[in-house]
């Protein structure tokens, strides 16, 4: 089973619509590590670490969004070391402060 570490930025109506909590809940269900946070520009960014198929499933969930959200665009790339370092020790998945 190969592991993957991906960073995503989701744009649209994704703040104030349960998006971060939705991502956290789904990641915990799937055993995917990482974090999610709001950005001041109105987007949400997340980092997913885990089995490739589980990470891909999380990216697809972000593409669809939480029930009240509207996803207009999703950017995806390999995660950078400094983004991986934001994972909090002891946490499986974290909701980080807005940047």
PDB file of N, CA and C in Angstrom:
ATOM      1  N   UNK A   1       0.848  -1.175   0.000  1.00  0.00           N
ATOM      2  CA  UNK A   1       0.000   0.000   0.000  1.00  0.00           C
ATOM      3  C   UNK A   1       0.898   1.244   0.000  1.00  0.00           C
ATOM      4  N   UNK A   2       0.798   2.065  -1.027  1.00  0.00           N
ATOM      5  CA  UNK A   2       1.644   3.254  -1.111  1.00  0.00           C
ATOM      6  C   UNK A   2       1.031   4.411  -0.329  1.00  0.00           C
ATOM      7  N   UNK A   3       1.913   5.248   0.225  1.00  0.00           N
ATOM      8  CA  UNK A   3       1.466   6.418   0.992  1.00  0.00           C
ATOM      9  C   UNK A   3       1.596   7.657   0.128  1.00  0.00           C
ATOM     10  N   UNK A   4       0.774   8.634   0.457  1.00  0.00           N
ATOM     11  CA  UNK A   4       0.725   9.858  -0.331  1.00  0.00           C
ATOM     12  C   UNK A   4       0.569  11.039   0.626  1.00  0.00           C
ATOM     13  N   UNK A   5       1.107  12.178   0.245  1.00  0.00           N
ATOM     14  CA  UNK A   5       0.961  13.408   1.018  1.00  0.00           C
ATOM     15  C   UNK A   5       0.618  14.528   0.044  1.00  0.00           C
ATOM     16  N   UNK A   6      -0.631  15.019   0.112  1.00  0.00           N
ATOM     17  CA  UNK A   6      -1.114  16.013  -0.857  1.00  0.00           C
ATOM     18  C   UNK A   6      -1.654  17.251  -0.139  1.00  0.00           C
ATOM     19  N   UNK A   7      -1.448  18.388  -0.769  1.00  0.00           N
ATOM     20  CA  UNK A   7      -1.947  19.682  -0.296  1.00  0.00           C
ATOM     21  C   UNK A   7      -3.033  20.129  -1.262  1.00  0.00           C
ATOM     22  N   UNK A   8      -4.151  20.626  -0.723  1.00  0.00           N
ATOM     23  CA  UNK A   8      -5.229  21.135  -1.575  1.00  0.00           C
ATOM     24  C   UNK A   8      -5.669  22.511  -1.095  1.00  0.00           C
ATOM     25  N   UNK A   9      -6.112  23.330  -2.046  1.00  0.00           N
ATOM     26  CA  UNK A   9      -6.762  24.610  -1.758  1.00  0.00           C
ATOM     27  C   UNK A   9      -8.114  24.555  -2.449  1.00  0.00           C
ATOM     28  N   UNK A  10      -9.169  24.810  -1.676  1.00  0.00           N
ATOM     29  CA  UNK A  10     -10.534  24.730  -2.184  1.00  0.00           C
ATOM     30  C   UNK A  10     -11.119  26.137  -2.190  1.00  0.00           C
ATOM     31  N   UNK A  11     -11.670  26.544  -3.336  1.00  0.00           N
ATOM     32  CA  UNK A  11     -12.258  27.877  -3.481  1.00  0.00           C
ATOM     33  C   UNK A  11     -13.746  27.760  -3.785  1.00  0.00           C
ATOM     34  N   UNK A  12     -14.482  28.772  -3.383  1.00  0.00           N
ATOM     35  CA  UNK A  12     -15.933  28.811  -3.572  1.00  0.00           C
ATOM     36  C   UNK A  12     -16.582  29.274  -2.278  1.00  0.00           C
ATOM     37  N   UNK A  13     -17.791  28.805  -2.018  1.00  0.00           N
ATOM     38  CA  UNK A  13     -18.458  29.111  -0.744  1.00  0.00           C
ATOM     39  C   UNK A  13     -18.097  27.977   0.206  1.00  0.00           C
ATOM     40  N   UNK A  14     -16.924  28.109   0.844  1.00  0.00           N
ATOM     41  CA  UNK A  14     -16.389  27.027   1.664  1.00  0.00           C
ATOM     42  C   UNK A  14     -16.086  27.454   3.103  1.00  0.00           C
ATOM     43  N   UNK A  15     -16.397  28.695   3.452  1.00  0.00           N
ATOM     44  CA  UNK A  15     -16.246  29.134   4.835  1.00  0.00           C
ATOM     45  C   UNK A  15     -17.624  29.439   5.404  1.00  0.00           C
ATOM     46  N   UNK A  16     -17.804  29.079   6.682  1.00  0.00           N
ATOM     47  CA  UNK A  16     -19.086  29.304   7.337  1.00  0.00           C
ATOM     48  C   UNK A  16     -20.155  28.303   6.925  1.00  0.00           C
ATOM     49  N   UNK A  17     -19.746  27.192   6.320  1.00  0.00           N
ATOM     50  CA  UNK A  17     -20.703  26.184   5.833  1.00  0.00           C
ATOM     51  C   UNK A  17     -20.303  24.772   6.287  1.00  0.00           C
ATOM     52  N   UNK A  18     -19.595  24.665   7.438  1.00  0.00           N
ATOM     53  CA  UNK A  18     -19.263  23.361   8.011  1.00  0.00           C
ATOM     54  C   UNK A  18     -18.191  22.628   7.201  1.00  0.00           C
ATOM     55  N   UNK A  19     -17.478  23.327   6.320  1.00  0.00           N
ATOM     56  CA  UNK A  19     -16.513  22.644   5.448  1.00  0.00           C
ATOM     57  C   UNK A  19     -15.340  22.054   6.229  1.00  0.00           C
ATOM     58  N   UNK A  20     -14.723  22.842   7.114  1.00  0.00           N
ATOM     59  CA  UNK A  20     -13.570  22.324   7.867  1.00  0.00           C
ATOM     60  C   UNK A  20     -13.970  21.149   8.758  1.00  0.00           C
ATOM     61  N   UNK A  21     -15.094  21.279   9.456  1.00  0.00           N
ATOM     62  CA  UNK A  21     -15.558  20.191  10.321  1.00  0.00           C
ATOM     63  C   UNK A  21     -15.867  18.937   9.503  1.00  0.00           C
ATOM     64  N   UNK A  22     -16.449  19.131   8.322  1.00  0.00           N
ATOM     65  CA  UNK A  22     -16.743  18.027   7.405  1.00  0.00           C
ATOM     66  C   UNK A  22     -15.450  17.314   7.006  1.00  0.00           C
ATOM     67  N   UNK A  23     -14.432  18.084   6.638  1.00  0.00           N
ATOM     68  CA  UNK A  23     -13.146  17.502   6.235  1.00  0.00           C
ATOM     69  C   UNK A  23     -12.512  16.757   7.413  1.00  0.00           C
ATOM     70  N   UNK A  24     -12.516  17.371   8.583  1.00  0.00           N
ATOM     71  CA  UNK A  24     -11.935  16.720   9.763  1.00  0.00           C
ATOM     72  C   UNK A  24     -12.660  15.404  10.070  1.00  0.00           C
ATOM     73  N   UNK A  25     -13.971  15.438  10.093  1.00  0.00           N
ATOM     74  CA  UNK A  25     -14.774  14.247  10.394  1.00  0.00           C
ATOM     75  C   UNK A  25     -14.493  13.113   9.400  1.00  0.00           C
ATOM     76  N   UNK A  26     -14.460  13.448   8.116  1.00  0.00           N
ATOM     77  CA  UNK A  26     -14.222  12.432   7.084  1.00  0.00           C
ATOM     78  C   UNK A  26     -12.798  11.886   7.149  1.00  0.00           C
ATOM     79  N   UNK A  27     -11.827  12.738   7.448  1.00  0.00           N
ATOM     80  CA  UNK A  27     -10.437  12.279   7.570  1.00  0.00           C
ATOM     81  C   UNK A  27     -10.293  11.323   8.752  1.00  0.00           C
ATOM     82  N   UNK A  28     -10.911  11.656   9.872  1.00  0.00           N
ATOM     83  CA  UNK A  28     -10.836  10.787  11.044  1.00  0.00           C
ATOM     84  C   UNK A  28     -11.497   9.440  10.768  1.00  0.00           C
ATOM     85  N   UNK A  29     -12.618   9.441  10.068  1.00  0.00           N
ATOM     86  CA  UNK A  29     -13.298   8.183   9.704  1.00  0.00           C
ATOM     87  C   UNK A  29     -12.390   7.283   8.875  1.00  0.00           C
ATOM     88  N   UNK A  30     -11.594   7.894   8.009  1.00  0.00           N
ATOM     89  CA  UNK A  30     -10.764   7.139   7.064  1.00  0.00           C
ATOM     90  C   UNK A  30      -9.342   6.874   7.563  1.00  0.00           C
ATOM     91  N   UNK A  31      -8.983   7.442   8.714  1.00  0.00           N
ATOM     92  CA  UNK A  31      -7.633   7.261   9.230  1.00  0.00           C
ATOM     93  C   UNK A  31      -6.588   8.044   8.458  1.00  0.00           C
ATOM     94  N   UNK A  32      -7.007   9.177   7.883  1.00  0.00           N
ATOM     95  CA  UNK A  32      -6.085  10.045   7.143  1.00  0.00           C
ATOM     96  C   UNK A  32      -5.564  11.110   8.102  1.00  0.00           C
ATOM     97  N   UNK A  33      -4.265  11.326   8.104  1.00  0.00           N
ATOM     98  CA  UNK A  33      -3.650  12.345   8.951  1.00  0.00           C
ATOM     99  C   UNK A  33      -3.560  13.668   8.199  1.00  0.00           C
ATOM    100  N   UNK A  34      -3.336  14.757   8.964  1.00  0.00           N
ATOM    101  CA  UNK A  34      -3.122  16.051   8.335  1.00  0.00           C
ATOM    102  C   UNK A  34      -3.814  17.173   9.062  1.00  0.00           C
ATOM    103  N   UNK A  35      -4.222  18.176   8.297  1.00  0.00           N
ATOM    104  CA  UNK A  35      -4.854  19.363   8.870  1.00  0.00           C
ATOM    105  C   UNK A  35      -5.708  20.073   7.831  1.00  0.00           C
ATOM    106  N   UNK A  36      -6.559  20.996   8.333  1.00  0.00           N
ATOM    107  CA  UNK A  36      -7.396  21.839   7.481  1.00  0.00           C
ATOM    108  C   UNK A  36      -7.462  23.212   8.142  1.00  0.00           C
ATOM    109  N   UNK A  37      -7.558  24.280   7.329  1.00  0.00           N
ATOM    110  CA  UNK A  37      -7.688  25.623   7.900  1.00  0.00           C
ATOM    111  C   UNK A  37      -8.295  26.577   6.878  1.00  0.00           C
ATOM    112  N   UNK A  38      -8.947  27.623   7.412  1.00  0.00           N
ATOM    113  CA  UNK A  38      -9.441  28.716   6.577  1.00  0.00           C
ATOM    114  C   UNK A  38      -8.279  29.624   6.213  1.00  0.00           C
ATOM    115  N   UNK A  39      -8.434  30.293   5.079  1.00  0.00           N
ATOM    116  CA  UNK A  39      -7.482  31.327   4.674  1.00  0.00           C
ATOM    117  C   UNK A  39      -8.235  32.649   4.568  1.00  0.00           C
ATOM    118  N   UNK A  40      -7.536  33.728   4.805  1.00  0.00           N
ATOM    119  CA  UNK A  40      -8.177  35.050   4.794  1.00  0.00           C
ATOM    120  C   UNK A  40      -8.768  35.412   3.436  1.00  0.00           C
ATOM    121  N   UNK A  41      -8.310  34.758   2.361  1.00  0.00           N
ATOM    122  CA  UNK A  41      -8.853  35.060   1.033  1.00  0.00           C
ATOM    123  C   UNK A  41     -10.189  34.354   0.772  1.00  0.00           C
ATOM    124  N   UNK A  42     -10.713  33.632   1.778  1.00  0.00           N
ATOM    125  CA  UNK A  42     -12.003  32.958   1.637  1.00  0.00           C
ATOM    126  C   UNK A  42     -11.904  31.502   1.237  1.00  0.00           C
ATOM    127  N   UNK A  43     -10.704  31.029   0.957  1.00  0.00           N
ATOM    128  CA  UNK A  43     -10.524  29.625   0.580  1.00  0.00           C
ATOM    129  C   UNK A  43     -10.258  28.780   1.831  1.00  0.00           C
ATOM    130  N   UNK A  44     -10.222  27.482   1.628  1.00  0.00           N
ATOM    131  CA  UNK A  44      -9.847  26.530   2.672  1.00  0.00           C
ATOM    132  C   UNK A  44      -8.694  25.704   2.119  1.00  0.00           C
ATOM    133  N   UNK A  45      -7.672  25.469   2.945  1.00  0.00           N
ATOM    134  CA  UNK A  45      -6.577  24.603   2.510  1.00  0.00           C
ATOM    135  C   UNK A  45      -6.467  23.422   3.457  1.00  0.00           C
ATOM    136  N   UNK A  46      -5.973  22.317   2.918  1.00  0.00           N
ATOM    137  CA  UNK A  46      -5.845  21.098   3.718  1.00  0.00           C
ATOM    138  C   UNK A  46      -4.632  20.300   3.267  1.00  0.00           C
ATOM    139  N   UNK A  47      -4.154  19.484   4.175  1.00  0.00           N
ATOM    140  CA  UNK A  47      -3.060  18.562   3.903  1.00  0.00           C
ATOM    141  C   UNK A  47      -3.534  17.172   4.312  1.00  0.00           C
ATOM    142  N   UNK A  48      -3.355  16.206   3.424  1.00  0.00           N
ATOM    143  CA  UNK A  48      -3.769  14.830   3.690  1.00  0.00           C
ATOM    144  C   UNK A  48      -2.573  13.902   3.560  1.00  0.00           C
ATOM    145  N   UNK A  49      -2.371  13.045   4.570  1.00  0.00           N
ATOM    146  CA  UNK A  49      -1.280  12.077   4.579  1.00  0.00           C
ATOM    147  C   UNK A  49      -1.869  10.707   4.890  1.00  0.00           C
ATOM    148  N   UNK A  50      -1.562   9.731   4.044  1.00  0.00           N
ATOM    149  CA  UNK A  50      -2.050   8.379   4.306  1.00  0.00           C
ATOM    150  C   UNK A  50      -1.948   7.502   3.084  1.00  0.00           C
ATOM    151  N   UNK A  51      -2.654   6.384   3.131  1.00  0.00           N
ATOM    152  CA  UNK A  51      -2.692   5.467   1.996  1.00  0.00           C
ATOM    153  C   UNK A  51      -3.221   6.215   0.781  1.00  0.00           C
ATOM    154  N   UNK A  52      -2.609   5.974  -0.362  1.00  0.00           N
ATOM    155  CA  UNK A  52      -2.937   6.726  -1.582  1.00  0.00           C
ATOM    156  C   UNK A  52      -4.427   6.735  -1.880  1.00  0.00           C
ATOM    157  N   UNK A  53      -5.092   5.589  -1.764  1.00  0.00           N
ATOM    158  CA  UNK A  53      -6.521   5.549  -2.098  1.00  0.00           C
ATOM    159  C   UNK A  53      -7.364   6.348  -1.105  1.00  0.00           C
ATOM    160  N   UNK A  54      -6.944   6.400   0.158  1.00  0.00           N
ATOM    161  CA  UNK A  54      -7.681   7.184   1.158  1.00  0.00           C
ATOM    162  C   UNK A  54      -7.470   8.681   0.944  1.00  0.00           C
ATOM    163  N   UNK A  55      -6.250   9.064   0.597  1.00  0.00           N
ATOM    164  CA  UNK A  55      -5.966  10.475   0.310  1.00  0.00           C
ATOM    165  C   UNK A  55      -6.755  10.918  -0.921  1.00  0.00           C
ATOM    166  N   UNK A  56      -6.773  10.087  -1.953  1.00  0.00           N
ATOM    167  CA  UNK A  56      -7.553  10.426  -3.157  1.00  0.00           C
ATOM    168  C   UNK A  56      -9.037  10.555  -2.831  1.00  0.00           C
ATOM    169  N   UNK A  57      -9.542   9.700  -1.940  1.00  0.00           N
ATOM    170  CA  UNK A  57     -10.949   9.789  -1.528  1.00  0.00           C
ATOM    171  C   UNK A  57     -11.217  11.118  -0.820  1.00  0.00           C
ATOM    172  N   UNK A  58     -10.270  11.577   0.006  1.00  0.00           N
ATOM    173  CA  UNK A  58     -10.432  12.868   0.690  1.00  0.00           C
ATOM    174  C   UNK A  58     -10.439  14.016  -0.313  1.00  0.00           C
ATOM    175  N   UNK A  59      -9.592  13.940  -1.317  1.00  0.00           N
ATOM    176  CA  UNK A  59      -9.551  14.993  -2.336  1.00  0.00           C
ATOM    177  C   UNK A  59     -10.874  15.036  -3.087  1.00  0.00           C
ATOM    178  N   UNK A  60     -11.433  13.881  -3.411  1.00  0.00           N
ATOM    179  CA  UNK A  60     -12.735  13.843  -4.095  1.00  0.00           C
ATOM    180  C   UNK A  60     -13.847  14.394  -3.209  1.00  0.00           C
ATOM    181  N   UNK A  61     -13.795  14.103  -1.904  1.00  0.00           N
ATOM    182  CA  UNK A  61     -14.777  14.674  -0.978  1.00  0.00           C
ATOM    183  C   UNK A  61     -14.676  16.198  -0.960  1.00  0.00           C
ATOM    184  N   UNK A  62     -13.460  16.718  -0.977  1.00  0.00           N
ATOM    185  CA  UNK A  62     -13.271  18.173  -1.009  1.00  0.00           C
ATOM    186  C   UNK A  62     -13.802  18.756  -2.312  1.00  0.00           C
ATOM    187  N   UNK A  63     -13.642  18.036  -3.390  1.00  0.00           N
ATOM    188  CA  UNK A  63     -14.136  18.496  -4.690  1.00  0.00           C
ATOM    189  C   UNK A  63     -15.666  18.626  -4.667  1.00  0.00           C
ATOM    190  N   UNK A  64     -16.334  17.688  -3.979  1.00  0.00           N
ATOM    191  CA  UNK A  64     -17.803  17.726  -3.858  1.00  0.00           C
ATOM    192  C   UNK A  64     -18.257  18.706  -2.782  1.00  0.00           C
ATOM    193  N   UNK A  65     -17.515  18.775  -1.671  1.00  0.00           N
ATOM    194  CA  UNK A  65     -17.822  19.699  -0.595  1.00  0.00           C
ATOM    195  C   UNK A  65     -18.836  19.174   0.397  1.00  0.00           C
ATOM    196  N   UNK A  66     -18.991  19.927   1.485  1.00  0.00           N
ATOM    197  CA  UNK A  66     -20.002  19.611   2.496  1.00  0.00           C
ATOM    198  C   UNK A  66     -21.369  19.996   1.934  1.00  0.00           C
ATOM    199  N   UNK A  67     -22.450  19.436   2.483  1.00  0.00           N
ATOM    200  CA  UNK A  67     -23.778  19.706   1.905  1.00  0.00           C
ATOM    201  C   UNK A  67     -24.105  21.187   1.641  1.00  0.00           C
ATOM    202  N   UNK A  68     -23.847  22.131   2.573  1.00  0.00           N
ATOM    203  CA  UNK A  68     -24.217  23.519   2.252  1.00  0.00           C
ATOM    204  C   UNK A  68     -23.168  24.307   1.458  1.00  0.00           C
ATOM    205  N   UNK A  69     -22.022  23.696   1.160  1.00  0.00           N
ATOM    206  CA  UNK A  69     -20.954  24.438   0.471  1.00  0.00           C
ATOM    207  C   UNK A  69     -21.141  24.412  -1.042  1.00  0.00           C
ATOM    208  N   UNK A  70     -20.328  25.240  -1.710  1.00  0.00           N
ATOM    209  CA  UNK A  70     -20.266  25.232  -3.174  1.00  0.00           C
ATOM    210  C   UNK A  70     -18.790  25.333  -3.554  1.00  0.00           C
ATOM    211  N   UNK A  71     -18.264  24.300  -4.173  1.00  0.00           N
ATOM    212  CA  UNK A  71     -16.857  24.276  -4.574  1.00  0.00           C
ATOM    213  C   UNK A  71     -16.764  24.745  -6.019  1.00  0.00           C
ATOM    214  N   UNK A  72     -16.031  25.842  -6.227  1.00  0.00           N
ATOM    215  CA  UNK A  72     -15.821  26.378  -7.577  1.00  0.00           C
ATOM    216  C   UNK A  72     -14.519  25.875  -8.193  1.00  0.00           C
ATOM    217  N   UNK A  73     -13.513  25.631  -7.351  1.00  0.00           N
ATOM    218  CA  UNK A  73     -12.211  25.189  -7.862  1.00  0.00           C
ATOM    219  C   UNK A  73     -11.457  24.464  -6.760  1.00  0.00           C
ATOM    220  N   UNK A  74     -10.619  23.521  -7.168  1.00  0.00           N
ATOM    221  CA  UNK A  74      -9.753  22.811  -6.240  1.00  0.00           C
ATOM    222  C   UNK A  74      -8.383  22.687  -6.887  1.00  0.00           C
ATOM    223  N   UNK A  75      -7.364  23.176  -6.181  1.00  0.00           N
ATOM    224  CA  UNK A  75      -5.980  23.045  -6.634  1.00  0.00           C
ATOM    225  C   UNK A  75      -5.322  21.967  -5.780  1.00  0.00           C
ATOM    226  N   UNK A  76      -4.541  21.116  -6.396  1.00  0.00           N
ATOM    227  CA  UNK A  76      -3.935  19.981  -5.708  1.00  0.00           C
ATOM    228  C   UNK A  76      -2.476  19.855  -6.133  1.00  0.00           C
ATOM    229  N   UNK A  77      -1.598  19.542  -5.157  1.00  0.00           N
ATOM    230  CA  UNK A  77      -0.181  19.333  -5.457  1.00  0.00           C
ATOM    231  C   UNK A  77       0.445  18.514  -4.340  1.00  0.00           C
ATOM    232  N   UNK A  78       1.686  18.075  -4.565  1.00  0.00           N
ATOM    233  CA  UNK A  78       2.435  17.408  -3.503  1.00  0.00           C
ATOM    234  C   UNK A  78       2.672  18.407  -2.375  1.00  0.00           C
ATOM    235  N   UNK A  79       2.635  17.925  -1.151  1.00  0.00           N
ATOM    236  CA  UNK A  79       2.842  18.787   0.010  1.00  0.00           C
ATOM    237  C   UNK A  79       4.317  19.142   0.163  1.00  0.00           C
ATOM    238  N   UNK A  80       4.567  20.340   0.678  1.00  0.00           N
ATOM    239  CA  UNK A  80       5.922  20.801   0.978  1.00  0.00           C
ATOM    240  C   UNK A  80       6.281  20.403   2.408  1.00  0.00           C
ATOM    241  N   UNK A  81       7.562  20.275   2.687  1.00  0.00           N
ATOM    242  CA  UNK A  81       8.020  19.866   4.017  1.00  0.00           C
ATOM    243  C   UNK A  81       7.482  20.784   5.107  1.00  0.00           C
ATOM    244  N   UNK A  82       7.468  22.102   4.860  1.00  0.00           N
ATOM    245  CA  UNK A  82       6.990  23.026   5.899  1.00  0.00           C
ATOM    246  C   UNK A  82       5.491  22.871   6.154  1.00  0.00           C
ATOM    247  N   UNK A  83       4.741  22.407   5.172  1.00  0.00           N
ATOM    248  CA  UNK A  83       3.308  22.145   5.374  1.00  0.00           C
ATOM    249  C   UNK A  83       3.107  20.871   6.196  1.00  0.00           C
ATOM    250  N   UNK A  84       3.932  19.875   5.938  1.00  0.00           N
ATOM    251  CA  UNK A  84       3.862  18.631   6.706  1.00  0.00           C
ATOM    252  C   UNK A  84       4.218  18.908   8.162  1.00  0.00           C
ATOM    253  N   UNK A  85       5.160  19.823   8.388  1.00  0.00           N
ATOM    254  CA  UNK A  85       5.584  20.169   9.745  1.00  0.00           C
ATOM    255  C   UNK A  85       4.472  20.810  10.566  1.00  0.00           C
ATOM    256  N   UNK A  86       3.409  21.307   9.928  1.00  0.00           N
ATOM    257  CA  UNK A  86       2.289  21.904  10.656  1.00  0.00           C
ATOM    258  C   UNK A  86       1.409  20.862  11.340  1.00  0.00           C
ATOM    259  N   UNK A  87       1.601  19.582  11.016  1.00  0.00           N
ATOM    260  CA  UNK A  87       0.850  18.521  11.693  1.00  0.00           C
ATOM    261  C   UNK A  87       1.207  18.570  13.175  1.00  0.00           C
ATOM    262  N   UNK A  88       0.199  18.597  14.038  1.00  0.00           N
ATOM    263  CA  UNK A  88       0.427  18.711  15.478  1.00  0.00           C
ATOM    264  C   UNK A  88       0.772  17.348  16.073  1.00  0.00           C
ATOM    265  N   UNK A  89       1.847  17.273  16.845  1.00  0.00           N
ATOM    266  CA  UNK A  89       2.220  15.998  17.469  1.00  0.00           C
ATOM    267  C   UNK A  89       1.067  15.450  18.309  1.00  0.00           C
ATOM    268  N   UNK A  90       0.790  14.176  18.147  1.00  0.00           N
ATOM    269  CA  UNK A  90      -0.274  13.541  18.917  1.00  0.00           C
ATOM    270  C   UNK A  90      -1.647  13.630  18.289  1.00  0.00           C
ATOM    271  N   UNK A  91      -1.851  14.548  17.355  1.00  0.00           N
ATOM    272  CA  UNK A  91      -3.145  14.669  16.676  1.00  0.00           C
ATOM    273  C   UNK A  91      -3.121  13.847  15.395  1.00  0.00           C
ATOM    274  N   UNK A  92      -4.229  13.189  15.122  1.00  0.00           N
ATOM    275  CA  UNK A  92      -4.355  12.498  13.843  1.00  0.00           C
ATOM    276  C   UNK A  92      -4.688  13.517  12.767  1.00  0.00           C
ATOM    277  N   UNK A  93      -5.668  14.379  13.064  1.00  0.00           N
ATOM    278  CA  UNK A  93      -6.076  15.409  12.108  1.00  0.00           C
ATOM    279  C   UNK A  93      -6.421  16.658  12.902  1.00  0.00           C
ATOM    280  N   UNK A  94      -5.982  17.824  12.436  1.00  0.00           N
ATOM    281  CA  UNK A  94      -6.150  19.074  13.179  1.00  0.00           C
ATOM    282  C   UNK A  94      -6.878  20.122  12.358  1.00  0.00           C
ATOM    283  N   UNK A  95      -7.641  20.963  13.060  1.00  0.00           N
ATOM    284  CA  UNK A  95      -8.170  22.188  12.468  1.00  0.00           C
ATOM    285  C   UNK A  95      -7.250  23.296  12.961  1.00  0.00           C
ATOM    286  N   UNK A  96      -6.521  23.910  12.037  1.00  0.00           N
ATOM    287  CA  UNK A  96      -5.536  24.933  12.387  1.00  0.00           C
ATOM    288  C   UNK A  96      -6.155  26.327  12.320  1.00  0.00           C
ATOM    289  N   UNK A  97      -5.512  27.309  12.975  1.00  0.00           N
ATOM    290  CA  UNK A  97      -5.997  28.694  12.901  1.00  0.00           C
ATOM    291  C   UNK A  97      -5.926  29.248  11.476  1.00  0.00           C
ATOM    292  N   UNK A  98      -6.759  30.230  11.215  1.00  0.00           N
ATOM    293  CA  UNK A  98      -6.809  30.916   9.919  1.00  0.00           C
ATOM    294  C   UNK A  98      -5.479  31.600   9.629  1.00  0.00           C
ATOM    295  N   UNK A  99      -5.080  31.571   8.352  1.00  0.00           N
ATOM    296  CA  UNK A  99      -3.871  32.296   7.919  1.00  0.00           C
ATOM    297  C   UNK A  99      -4.230  33.279   6.834  1.00  0.00           C
TER     298      UNK A  99
END
